[in-house]
Amino acid sequence: GRAEVAEKPDLLWERPELEGLYLRLEDEFELRERHLGLERKLQVISN
């Protein structure tokens, strides 16, 4: 709801040419993998 970790930044709608940089940075920081890993752990804790 706040950091919107899994969502694309709004500025990409205005600057689509930055999409490549966004994808490389997302891969470098492993944002998607870390987000999915956290979700799985949170689900286990909650369950």
All heavy atoms as atom14 arrays in JSON, in Angstrom:
{
  "sequence": "GRAEVAEKPDLLWERPELEGLYLRLEDEFELRERHLGLERKLQVISN",
  "atom14_mask": [
    [1, 1, 1, 1, 0, 0, 0, 0, 0, 0, 0, 0, 0, 0],
    [1, 1, 1, 1, 1, 1, 1, 1, 1, 1, 1, 0, 0, 0],
    [1, 1, 1, 1, 1, 0, 0, 0, 0, 0, 0, 0, 0, 0],
    [1, 1, 1, 1, 1, 1, 1, 1, 1, 0, 0, 0, 0, 0],
    [1, 1, 1, 1, 1, 1, 1, 0, 0, 0, 0, 0, 0, 0],
    [1, 1, 1, 1, 1, 0, 0, 0, 0, 0, 0, 0, 0, 0],
    [1, 1, 1, 1, 1, 1, 1, 1, 1, 0, 0, 0, 0, 0],
    [1, 1, 1, 1, 1, 1, 1, 1, 1, 0, 0, 0, 0, 0],
    [1, 1, 1, 1, 1, 1, 1, 0, 0, 0, 0, 0, 0, 0],
    [1, 1, 1, 1, 1, 1, 1, 1, 0, 0, 0, 0, 0, 0],
    [1, 1, 1, 1, 1, 1, 1, 1, 0, 0, 0, 0, 0, 0],
    [1, 1, 1, 1, 1, 1, 1, 1, 0, 0, 0, 0, 0, 0],
    [1, 1, 1, 1, 1, 1, 1, 1, 1, 1, 1, 1, 1, 1],
    [1, 1, 1, 1, 1, 1, 1, 1, 1, 0, 0, 0, 0, 0],
    [1, 1, 1, 1, 1, 1, 1, 1, 1, 1, 1, 0, 0, 0],
    [1, 1, 1, 1, 1, 1, 1, 0, 0, 0, 0, 0, 0, 0],
    [1, 1, 1, 1, 1, 1, 1, 1, 1, 0, 0, 0, 0, 0],
    [1, 1, 1, 1, 1, 1, 1, 1, 0, 0, 0, 0, 0, 0],
    [1, 1, 1, 1, 1, 1, 1, 1, 1, 0, 0, 0, 0, 0],
    [1, 1, 1, 1, 0, 0, 0, 0, 0, 0, 0, 0, 0, 0],
    [1, 1, 1, 1, 1, 1, 1, 1, 0, 0, 0, 0, 0, 0],
    [1, 1, 1, 1, 1, 1, 1, 1, 1, 1, 1, 1, 0, 0],
    [1, 1, 1, 1, 1, 1, 1, 1, 0, 0, 0, 0, 0, 0],
    [1, 1, 1, 1, 1, 1, 1, 1, 1, 1, 1, 0, 0, 0],
    [1, 1, 1, 1, 1, 1, 1, 1, 0, 0, 0, 0, 0, 0],
    [1, 1, 1, 1, 1, 1, 1, 1, 1, 0, 0, 0, 0, 0],
    [1, 1, 1, 1, 1, 1, 1, 1, 0, 0, 0, 0, 0, 0],
    [1, 1, 1, 1, 1, 1, 1, 1, 1, 0, 0, 0, 0, 0],
    [1, 1, 1, 1, 1, 1, 1, 1, 1, 1, 1, 0, 0, 0],
    [1, 1, 1, 1, 1, 1, 1, 1, 1, 0, 0, 0, 0, 0],
    [1, 1, 1, 1, 1, 1, 1, 1, 0, 0, 0, 0, 0, 0],
    [1, 1, 1, 1, 1, 1, 1, 1, 1, 1, 1, 0, 0, 0],
    [1, 1, 1, 1, 1, 1, 1, 1, 1, 0, 0, 0, 0, 0],
    [1, 1, 1, 1, 1, 1, 1, 1, 1, 1, 1, 0, 0, 0],
    [1, 1, 1, 1, 1, 1, 1, 1, 1, 1, 0, 0, 0, 0],
    [1, 1, 1, 1, 1, 1, 1, 1, 0, 0, 0, 0, 0, 0],
    [1, 1, 1, 1, 0, 0, 0, 0, 0, 0, 0, 0, 0, 0],
    [1, 1, 1, 1, 1, 1, 1, 1, 0, 0, 0, 0, 0, 0],
    [1, 1, 1, 1, 1, 1, 1, 1, 1, 0, 0, 0, 0, 0],
    [1, 1, 1, 1, 1, 1, 1, 1, 1, 1, 1, 0, 0, 0],
    [1, 1, 1, 1, 1, 1, 1, 1, 1, 0, 0, 0, 0, 0],
    [1, 1, 1, 1, 1, 1, 1, 1, 0, 0, 0, 0, 0, 0],
    [1, 1, 1, 1, 1, 1, 1, 1, 1, 0, 0, 0, 0, 0],
    [1, 1, 1, 1, 1, 1, 1, 0, 0, 0, 0, 0, 0, 0],
    [1, 1, 1, 1, 1, 1, 1, 1, 0, 0, 0, 0, 0, 0],
    [1, 1, 1, 1, 1, 1, 0, 0, 0, 0, 0, 0, 0, 0],
    [1, 1, 1, 1, 1, 1, 1, 1, 0, 0, 0, 0, 0, 0]
  ],
  "atom14_positions": [
    [[0.78, -1.23, 0.0], [0.0, 0.0, 0.0], [0.81, 1.27, 0.0], [0.37, 2.29, -0.55], [0.0, 0.0, 0.0], [0.0, 0.0, 0.0], [0.0, 0.0, 0.0], [0.0, 0.0, 0.0], [0.0, 0.0, 0.0], [0.0, 0.0, 0.0], [0.0, 0.0, 0.0], [0.0, 0.0, 0.0], [0.0, 0.0, 0.0], [0.0, 0.0, 0.0]],
    [[2.01, 1.26, 0.58], [2.77, 2.49, 0.71], [4.0, 2.51, -0.19], [4.16, 3.38, -1.04], [3.17, 2.69, 2.18], [1.95, 3.0, 3.06], [2.28, 2.93, 4.54], [3.2, 3.97, 4.94], [3.66, 4.1, 6.18], [3.28, 3.25, 7.11], [4.49, 5.07, 6.49], [0.0, 0.0, 0.0], [0.0, 0.0, 0.0], [0.0, 0.0, 0.0]],
    [[4.88, 1.53, -0.04], [6.08, 1.52, -0.88], [5.8, 0.99, -2.28], [6.55, 1.28, -3.21], [7.17, 0.66, -0.21], [0.0, 0.0, 0.0], [0.0, 0.0, 0.0], [0.0, 0.0, 0.0], [0.0, 0.0, 0.0], [0.0, 0.0, 0.0], [0.0, 0.0, 0.0], [0.0, 0.0, 0.0], [0.0, 0.0, 0.0], [0.0, 0.0, 0.0]],
    [[4.72, 0.22, -2.45], [4.35, -0.34, -3.76], [5.55, -1.0, -4.42], [5.87, -0.74, -5.58], [3.77, 0.77, -4.65], [2.51, 1.4, -4.08], [2.0, 2.56, -4.93], [2.79, 3.1, -5.73], [0.82, 2.91, -4.81], [0.0, 0.0, 0.0], [0.0, 0.0, 0.0], [0.0, 0.0, 0.0], [0.0, 0.0, 0.0], [0.0, 0.0, 0.0]],
    [[6.19, -1.88, -3.67], [7.44, -2.49, -4.1], [7.3, -3.23, -5.43], [8.21, -3.21, -6.27], [7.96, -3.44, -3.0], [9.14, -4.26, -3.5], [8.35, -2.64, -1.76], [0.0, 0.0, 0.0], [0.0, 0.0, 0.0], [0.0, 0.0, 0.0], [0.0, 0.0, 0.0], [0.0, 0.0, 0.0], [0.0, 0.0, 0.0], [0.0, 0.0, 0.0]],
    [[6.17, -3.9, -5.64], [6.01, -4.72, -6.84], [5.46, -3.94, -8.04], [5.32, -4.51, -9.13], [5.1, -5.91, -6.53], [0.0, 0.0, 0.0], [0.0, 0.0, 0.0], [0.0, 0.0, 0.0], [0.0, 0.0, 0.0], [0.0, 0.0, 0.0], [0.0, 0.0, 0.0], [0.0, 0.0, 0.0], [0.0, 0.0, 0.0], [0.0, 0.0, 0.0]],
    [[5.15, -2.66, -7.86], [4.55, -1.87, -8.94], [5.6, -1.04, -9.68], [6.62, -0.65, -9.12], [3.5, -0.92, -8.36], [2.39, -1.62, -7.57], [1.56, -2.55, -8.42], [1.35, -2.22, -9.6], [1.14, -3.6, -7.91], [0.0, 0.0, 0.0], [0.0, 0.0, 0.0], [0.0, 0.0, 0.0], [0.0, 0.0, 0.0], [0.0, 0.0, 0.0]],
    [[5.32, -0.74, -10.95], [6.2, 0.14, -11.7], [6.05, 1.57, -11.22], [4.94, 2.01, -10.91], [5.86, 0.07, -13.2], [6.32, -1.2, -13.89], [6.1, -1.1, -15.39], [6.59, -2.34, -16.1], [6.41, -2.24, -17.57], [0.0, 0.0, 0.0], [0.0, 0.0, 0.0], [0.0, 0.0, 0.0], [0.0, 0.0, 0.0], [0.0, 0.0, 0.0]],
    [[7.15, 2.33, -11.14], [7.07, 3.74, -10.74], [6.2, 4.54, -11.72], [6.2, 4.28, -12.92], [8.52, 4.21, -10.77], [9.33, 2.96, -10.66], [8.55, 1.9, -11.34], [0.0, 0.0, 0.0], [0.0, 0.0, 0.0], [0.0, 0.0, 0.0], [0.0, 0.0, 0.0], [0.0, 0.0, 0.0], [0.0, 0.0, 0.0], [0.0, 0.0, 0.0]],
    [[5.46, 5.5, -11.19], [4.57, 6.32, -12.02], [5.31, 7.08, -13.12], [4.76, 7.31, -14.2], [3.81, 7.32, -11.14], [2.81, 6.63, -10.22], [2.43, 5.48, -10.53], [2.42, 7.23, -9.21], [0.0, 0.0, 0.0], [0.0, 0.0, 0.0], [0.0, 0.0, 0.0], [0.0, 0.0, 0.0], [0.0, 0.0, 0.0], [0.0, 0.0, 0.0]],
    [[6.57, 7.48, -12.84], [7.28, 8.31, -13.82], [7.58, 7.55, -15.12], [7.87, 8.17, -16.15], [8.56, 8.89, -13.23], [9.69, 7.95, -12.79], [10.62, 7.64, -13.95], [10.47, 8.57, -11.65], [0.0, 0.0, 0.0], [0.0, 0.0, 0.0], [0.0, 0.0, 0.0], [0.0, 0.0, 0.0], [0.0, 0.0, 0.0], [0.0, 0.0, 0.0]],
    [[7.48, 6.23, -15.11], [7.7, 5.47, -16.34], [6.6, 5.71, -17.36], [6.81, 5.53, -18.57], [7.81, 3.97, -16.04], [9.08, 3.49, -15.31], [9.05, 1.99, -15.13], [10.33, 3.91, -16.07], [0.0, 0.0, 0.0], [0.0, 0.0, 0.0], [0.0, 0.0, 0.0], [0.0, 0.0, 0.0], [0.0, 0.0, 0.0], [0.0, 0.0, 0.0]],
    [[5.42, 6.14, -16.9], [4.34, 6.47, -17.83], [4.71, 7.7, -18.65], [4.33, 7.82, -19.82], [3.04, 6.69, -17.08], [2.52, 5.45, -16.4], [2.61, 5.14, -15.08], [1.86, 4.34, -17.02], [2.04, 3.92, -14.82], [1.57, 3.4, -16.01], [1.49, 4.05, -18.34], [0.91, 2.2, -16.27], [0.84, 2.84, -18.6], [0.56, 1.94, -17.57]],
    [[5.44, 8.63, -18.01], [5.84, 9.85, -18.7], [7.17, 9.68, -19.44], [7.41, 10.35, -20.44], [5.97, 11.0, -17.69], [4.67, 11.29, -16.94], [4.88, 12.31, -15.83], [6.01, 12.84, -15.71], [3.92, 12.56, -15.08], [0.0, 0.0, 0.0], [0.0, 0.0, 0.0], [0.0, 0.0, 0.0], [0.0, 0.0, 0.0], [0.0, 0.0, 0.0]],
    [[8.04, 8.8, -18.91], [9.36, 8.58, -19.53], [9.56, 7.09, -19.81], [10.35, 6.41, -19.14], [10.44, 9.11, -18.59], [10.39, 10.6, -18.33], [10.77, 11.41, -19.57], [12.12, 11.11, -20.01], [13.21, 11.72, -19.55], [13.1, 12.68, -18.63], [14.4, 11.4, -20.0], [0.0, 0.0, 0.0], [0.0, 0.0, 0.0], [0.0, 0.0, 0.0]],
    [[8.85, 6.54, -20.81], [8.96, 5.1, -21.1], [10.36, 4.68, -21.52], [10.7, 3.49, -21.43], [7.95, 4.89, -22.24], [7.74, 6.24, -22.84], [7.9, 7.21, -21.71], [0.0, 0.0, 0.0], [0.0, 0.0, 0.0], [0.0, 0.0, 0.0], [0.0, 0.0, 0.0], [0.0, 0.0, 0.0], [0.0, 0.0, 0.0], [0.0, 0.0, 0.0]],
    [[11.2, 5.63, -21.96], [12.55, 5.28, -22.37], [13.42, 4.84, -21.18], [14.51, 4.29, -21.36], [13.22, 6.45, -23.1], [13.56, 7.65, -22.22], [12.4, 8.64, -22.07], [11.27, 8.26, -22.42], [12.66, 9.77, -21.63], [0.0, 0.0, 0.0], [0.0, 0.0, 0.0], [0.0, 0.0, 0.0], [0.0, 0.0, 0.0], [0.0, 0.0, 0.0]],
    [[12.93, 5.09, -19.96], [13.67, 4.68, -18.76], [13.32, 3.26, -18.31], [13.81, 2.78, -17.29], [13.38, 5.66, -17.6], [13.86, 7.1, -17.8], [13.46, 7.96, -16.6], [15.36, 7.16, -18.02], [0.0, 0.0, 0.0], [0.0, 0.0, 0.0], [0.0, 0.0, 0.0], [0.0, 0.0, 0.0], [0.0, 0.0, 0.0], [0.0, 0.0, 0.0]],
    [[12.47, 2.59, -19.08], [12.03, 1.23, -18.73], [13.22, 0.27, -18.6], [13.28, -0.54, -17.68], [11.08, 0.71, -19.81], [10.59, -0.71, -19.59], [9.31, -0.78, -18.78], [8.64, 0.25, -18.63], [9.01, -1.87, -18.29], [0.0, 0.0, 0.0], [0.0, 0.0, 0.0], [0.0, 0.0, 0.0], [0.0, 0.0, 0.0], [0.0, 0.0, 0.0]],
    [[14.2, 0.39, -19.52], [15.36, -0.49, -19.47], [16.17, -0.3, -18.2], [16.59, -1.27, -17.56], [0.0, 0.0, 0.0], [0.0, 0.0, 0.0], [0.0, 0.0, 0.0], [0.0, 0.0, 0.0], [0.0, 0.0, 0.0], [0.0, 0.0, 0.0], [0.0, 0.0, 0.0], [0.0, 0.0, 0.0], [0.0, 0.0, 0.0], [0.0, 0.0, 0.0]],
    [[16.38, 0.95, -17.81], [17.11, 1.25, -16.58], [16.35, 0.71, -15.37], [16.95, 0.13, -14.46], [17.32, 2.76, -16.44], [17.99, 3.24, -15.15], [19.38, 2.63, -14.99], [18.06, 4.77, -15.13], [0.0, 0.0, 0.0], [0.0, 0.0, 0.0], [0.0, 0.0, 0.0], [0.0, 0.0, 0.0], [0.0, 0.0, 0.0], [0.0, 0.0, 0.0]],
    [[15.04, 0.89, -15.39], [14.19, 0.38, -14.29], [14.35, -1.14, -14.14], [14.57, -1.65, -13.03], [12.73, 0.74, -14.54], [11.75, -0.1, -13.76], [11.6, 0.05, -12.38], [10.98, -1.08, -14.39], [10.72, -0.73, -11.66], [10.09, -1.86, -13.68], [9.96, -1.69, -12.32], [9.09, -2.46, -11.6], [0.0, 0.0, 0.0], [0.0, 0.0, 0.0]],
    [[14.27, -1.87, -15.25], [14.37, -3.33, -15.2], [15.74, -3.79, -14.71], [15.85, -4.75, -13.95], [14.07, -3.92, -16.58], [12.62, -3.76, -17.07], [12.49, -4.23, -18.51], [11.66, -4.5, -16.16], [0.0, 0.0, 0.0], [0.0, 0.0, 0.0], [0.0, 0.0, 0.0], [0.0, 0.0, 0.0], [0.0, 0.0, 0.0], [0.0, 0.0, 0.0]],
    [[16.81, -3.08, -15.15], [18.15, -3.46, -14.71], [18.35, -3.18, -13.22], [18.98, -3.97, -12.52], [19.2, -2.72, -15.55], [19.36, -3.31, -16.96], [20.53, -2.71, -17.71], [20.27, -1.34, -18.15], [19.65, -1.04, -19.3], [19.23, -1.99, -20.1], [19.45, 0.23, -19.64], [0.0, 0.0, 0.0], [0.0, 0.0, 0.0], [0.0, 0.0, 0.0]],
    [[17.8, -2.07, -12.74], [17.9, -1.77, -11.31], [17.06, -2.74, -10.48], [17.48, -3.18, -9.4], [17.45, -0.33, -11.04], [18.39, 0.77, -11.54], [17.76, 2.15, -11.35], [19.73, 0.71, -10.8], [0.0, 0.0, 0.0], [0.0, 0.0, 0.0], [0.0, 0.0, 0.0], [0.0, 0.0, 0.0], [0.0, 0.0, 0.0], [0.0, 0.0, 0.0]],
    [[15.88, -3.08, -10.96], [15.02, -4.04, -10.27], [15.74, -5.39, -10.14], [15.68, -6.05, -9.09], [13.71, -4.21, -11.02], [12.73, -5.17, -10.32], [11.48, -5.43, -11.14], [11.63, -5.82, -12.32], [10.38, -5.24, -10.61], [0.0, 0.0, 0.0], [0.0, 0.0, 0.0], [0.0, 0.0, 0.0], [0.0, 0.0, 0.0], [0.0, 0.0, 0.0]],
    [[16.43, -5.77, -11.22], [17.17, -7.04, -11.21], [18.38, -6.95, -10.29], [18.68, -7.9, -9.56], [17.61, -7.38, -12.64], [18.32, -8.72, -12.71], [17.69, -9.74, -12.37], [19.51, -8.74, -13.09], [0.0, 0.0, 0.0], [0.0, 0.0, 0.0], [0.0, 0.0, 0.0], [0.0, 0.0, 0.0], [0.0, 0.0, 0.0], [0.0, 0.0, 0.0]],
    [[19.08, -5.82, -10.31], [20.27, -5.64, -9.47], [19.93, -5.72, -7.99], [20.64, -6.39, -7.21], [20.93, -4.29, -9.79], [22.09, -3.93, -8.88], [23.27, -4.87, -9.02], [23.45, -5.45, -10.12], [24.02, -5.04, -8.04], [0.0, 0.0, 0.0], [0.0, 0.0, 0.0], [0.0, 0.0, 0.0], [0.0, 0.0, 0.0], [0.0, 0.0, 0.0]],
    [[18.86, -5.06, -7.59], [18.46, -5.06, -6.18], [17.58, -6.25, -5.82], [17.18, -6.39, -4.66], [17.74, -3.75, -5.83], [18.62, -2.53, -5.91], [18.31, -1.49, -6.77], [19.75, -2.43, -5.13], [19.11, -0.36, -6.84], [20.57, -1.3, -5.2], [20.24, -0.27, -6.06], [0.0, 0.0, 0.0], [0.0, 0.0, 0.0], [0.0, 0.0, 0.0]],
    [[17.27, -7.09, -6.82], [16.45, -8.3, -6.61], [15.14, -7.97, -5.9], [14.7, -8.69, -5.0], [17.24, -9.34, -5.82], [18.52, -9.79, -6.5], [19.29, -10.8, -5.68], [19.21, -10.76, -4.44], [20.0, -11.64, -6.28], [0.0, 0.0, 0.0], [0.0, 0.0, 0.0], [0.0, 0.0, 0.0], [0.0, 0.0, 0.0], [0.0, 0.0, 0.0]],
    [[14.52, -6.88, -6.31], [13.31, -6.41, -5.63], [12.17, -7.41, -5.73], [11.48, -7.69, -4.74], [12.88, -5.05, -6.19], [13.87, -3.9, -6.02], [13.26, -2.6, -6.54], [14.28, -3.73, -4.56], [0.0, 0.0, 0.0], [0.0, 0.0, 0.0], [0.0, 0.0, 0.0], [0.0, 0.0, 0.0], [0.0, 0.0, 0.0], [0.0, 0.0, 0.0]],
    [[11.94, -7.94, -6.92], [10.82, -8.86, -7.11], [11.02, -10.15, -6.31], [10.1, -10.63, -5.65], [10.64, -9.16, -8.6], [9.33, -9.86, -8.95], [9.14, -9.9, -10.45], [9.04, -8.56, -11.0], [7.91, -7.87, -11.03], [6.79, -8.38, -10.54], [7.88, -6.65, -11.56], [0.0, 0.0, 0.0], [0.0, 0.0, 0.0], [0.0, 0.0, 0.0]],
    [[12.23, -10.71, -6.38], [12.51, -11.96, -5.65], [12.4, -11.75, -4.15], [11.85, -12.6, -3.44], [13.91, -12.48, -6.01], [14.08, -12.93, -7.45], [14.36, -11.77, -8.4], [14.37, -10.6, -7.95], [14.59, -12.04, -9.6], [0.0, 0.0, 0.0], [0.0, 0.0, 0.0], [0.0, 0.0, 0.0], [0.0, 0.0, 0.0], [0.0, 0.0, 0.0]],
    [[12.94, -10.64, -3.66], [12.89, -10.36, -2.22], [11.45, -10.13, -1.76], [11.05, -10.56, -0.68], [13.75, -9.15, -1.9], [15.24, -9.41, -2.08], [16.03, -8.13, -2.15], [16.01, -7.39, -0.9], [16.43, -6.14, -0.76], [16.91, -5.49, -1.82], [16.37, -5.54, 0.4], [0.0, 0.0, 0.0], [0.0, 0.0, 0.0], [0.0, 0.0, 0.0]],
    [[10.68, -9.46, -2.6], [9.27, -9.2, -2.28], [8.5, -10.51, -2.19], [7.73, -10.72, -1.24], [8.66, -8.29, -3.36], [7.21, -7.99, -3.15], [6.22, -8.59, -3.88], [6.59, -7.17, -2.27], [5.04, -8.14, -3.48], [5.25, -7.28, -2.51], [0.0, 0.0, 0.0], [0.0, 0.0, 0.0], [0.0, 0.0, 0.0], [0.0, 0.0, 0.0]],
    [[8.69, -11.42, -3.15], [8.01, -12.71, -3.13], [8.45, -13.55, -1.93], [7.63, -14.22, -1.29], [8.3, -13.47, -4.43], [7.65, -12.89, -5.7], [8.14, -13.65, -6.94], [6.13, -12.95, -5.61], [0.0, 0.0, 0.0], [0.0, 0.0, 0.0], [0.0, 0.0, 0.0], [0.0, 0.0, 0.0], [0.0, 0.0, 0.0], [0.0, 0.0, 0.0]],
    [[9.75, -13.5, -1.62], [10.25, -14.23, -0.46], [9.63, -13.74, 0.84], [9.27, -14.53, 1.72], [0.0, 0.0, 0.0], [0.0, 0.0, 0.0], [0.0, 0.0, 0.0], [0.0, 0.0, 0.0], [0.0, 0.0, 0.0], [0.0, 0.0, 0.0], [0.0, 0.0, 0.0], [0.0, 0.0, 0.0], [0.0, 0.0, 0.0], [0.0, 0.0, 0.0]],
    [[9.52, -12.42, 0.95], [8.89, -11.84, 2.14], [7.43, -12.23, 2.24], [6.93, -12.55, 3.33], [9.02, -10.31, 2.11], [10.2, -9.69, 2.83], [10.22, -8.18, 2.62], [10.16, -10.0, 4.32], [0.0, 0.0, 0.0], [0.0, 0.0, 0.0], [0.0, 0.0, 0.0], [0.0, 0.0, 0.0], [0.0, 0.0, 0.0], [0.0, 0.0, 0.0]],
    [[6.73, -12.2, 1.13], [5.31, -12.55, 1.13], [5.11, -13.99, 1.61], [4.19, -14.28, 2.37], [4.71, -12.38, -0.27], [4.36, -10.94, -0.61], [3.52, -10.85, -1.86], [3.67, -11.71, -2.75], [2.7, -9.91, -1.95], [0.0, 0.0, 0.0], [0.0, 0.0, 0.0], [0.0, 0.0, 0.0], [0.0, 0.0, 0.0], [0.0, 0.0, 0.0]],
    [[5.99, -14.89, 1.15], [5.88, -16.3, 1.57], [6.11, -16.43, 3.08], [5.37, -17.15, 3.77], [6.87, -17.16, 0.8], [6.48, -17.42, -0.65], [7.3, -18.55, -1.26], [8.68, -18.17, -1.41], [9.19, -17.63, -2.51], [8.42, -17.39, -3.54], [10.48, -17.32, -2.58], [0.0, 0.0, 0.0], [0.0, 0.0, 0.0], [0.0, 0.0, 0.0]],
    [[7.13, -15.74, 3.58], [7.4, -15.81, 5.03], [6.26, -15.21, 5.84], [5.87, -15.75, 6.88], [8.72, -15.09, 5.35], [9.96, -15.87, 4.98], [11.21, -15.21, 5.51], [12.45, -16.05, 5.24], [13.67, -15.44, 5.81], [0.0, 0.0, 0.0], [0.0, 0.0, 0.0], [0.0, 0.0, 0.0], [0.0, 0.0, 0.0], [0.0, 0.0, 0.0]],
    [[5.74, -14.08, 5.37], [4.62, -13.43, 6.06], [3.4, -14.34, 6.09], [2.67, -14.38, 7.09], [4.28, -12.1, 5.4], [5.3, -10.97, 5.6], [4.98, -9.79, 4.69], [5.3, -10.5, 7.05], [0.0, 0.0, 0.0], [0.0, 0.0, 0.0], [0.0, 0.0, 0.0], [0.0, 0.0, 0.0], [0.0, 0.0, 0.0], [0.0, 0.0, 0.0]],
    [[3.18, -15.07, 4.99], [2.04, -15.98, 4.92], [2.21, -17.12, 5.92], [1.26, -17.52, 6.6], [1.9, -16.54, 3.5], [0.57, -17.26, 3.25], [-0.62, -16.35, 3.41], [-0.67, -15.29, 2.82], [-1.59, -16.77, 4.2], [0.0, 0.0, 0.0], [0.0, 0.0, 0.0], [0.0, 0.0, 0.0], [0.0, 0.0, 0.0], [0.0, 0.0, 0.0]],
    [[3.45, -17.65, 6.02], [3.72, -18.72, 6.99], [3.5, -18.23, 8.41], [2.87, -18.92, 9.23], [5.16, -19.25, 6.82], [5.54, -20.19, 7.97], [5.32, -19.96, 5.49], [0.0, 0.0, 0.0], [0.0, 0.0, 0.0], [0.0, 0.0, 0.0], [0.0, 0.0, 0.0], [0.0, 0.0, 0.0], [0.0, 0.0, 0.0], [0.0, 0.0, 0.0]],
    [[4.01, -17.04, 8.72], [3.84, -16.47, 10.06], [2.37, -16.29, 10.38], [1.88, -16.67, 11.46], [4.58, -15.12, 10.17], [6.09, -15.34, 10.12], [4.2, -14.39, 11.45], [6.89, -14.06, 9.97], [0.0, 0.0, 0.0], [0.0, 0.0, 0.0], [0.0, 0.0, 0.0], [0.0, 0.0, 0.0], [0.0, 0.0, 0.0], [0.0, 0.0, 0.0]],
    [[1.63, -15.7, 9.43], [0.21, -15.44, 9.63], [-0.57, -16.74, 9.81], [-1.39, -16.87, 10.72], [-0.34, -14.64, 8.45], [-1.71, -14.36, 8.63], [0.0, 0.0, 0.0], [0.0, 0.0, 0.0], [0.0, 0.0, 0.0], [0.0, 0.0, 0.0], [0.0, 0.0, 0.0], [0.0, 0.0, 0.0], [0.0, 0.0, 0.0], [0.0, 0.0, 0.0]],
    [[-0.3, -17.74, 8.96], [-1.01, -19.02, 9.04], [-0.72, -19.74, 10.35], [-1.63, -20.3, 10.98], [-0.62, -19.92, 7.87], [-1.18, -19.45, 6.55], [-2.09, -18.62, 6.52], [-0.65, -19.95, 5.45], [0.0, 0.0, 0.0], [0.0, 0.0, 0.0], [0.0, 0.0, 0.0], [0.0, 0.0, 0.0], [0.0, 0.0, 0.0], [0.0, 0.0, 0.0]]
  ]
}
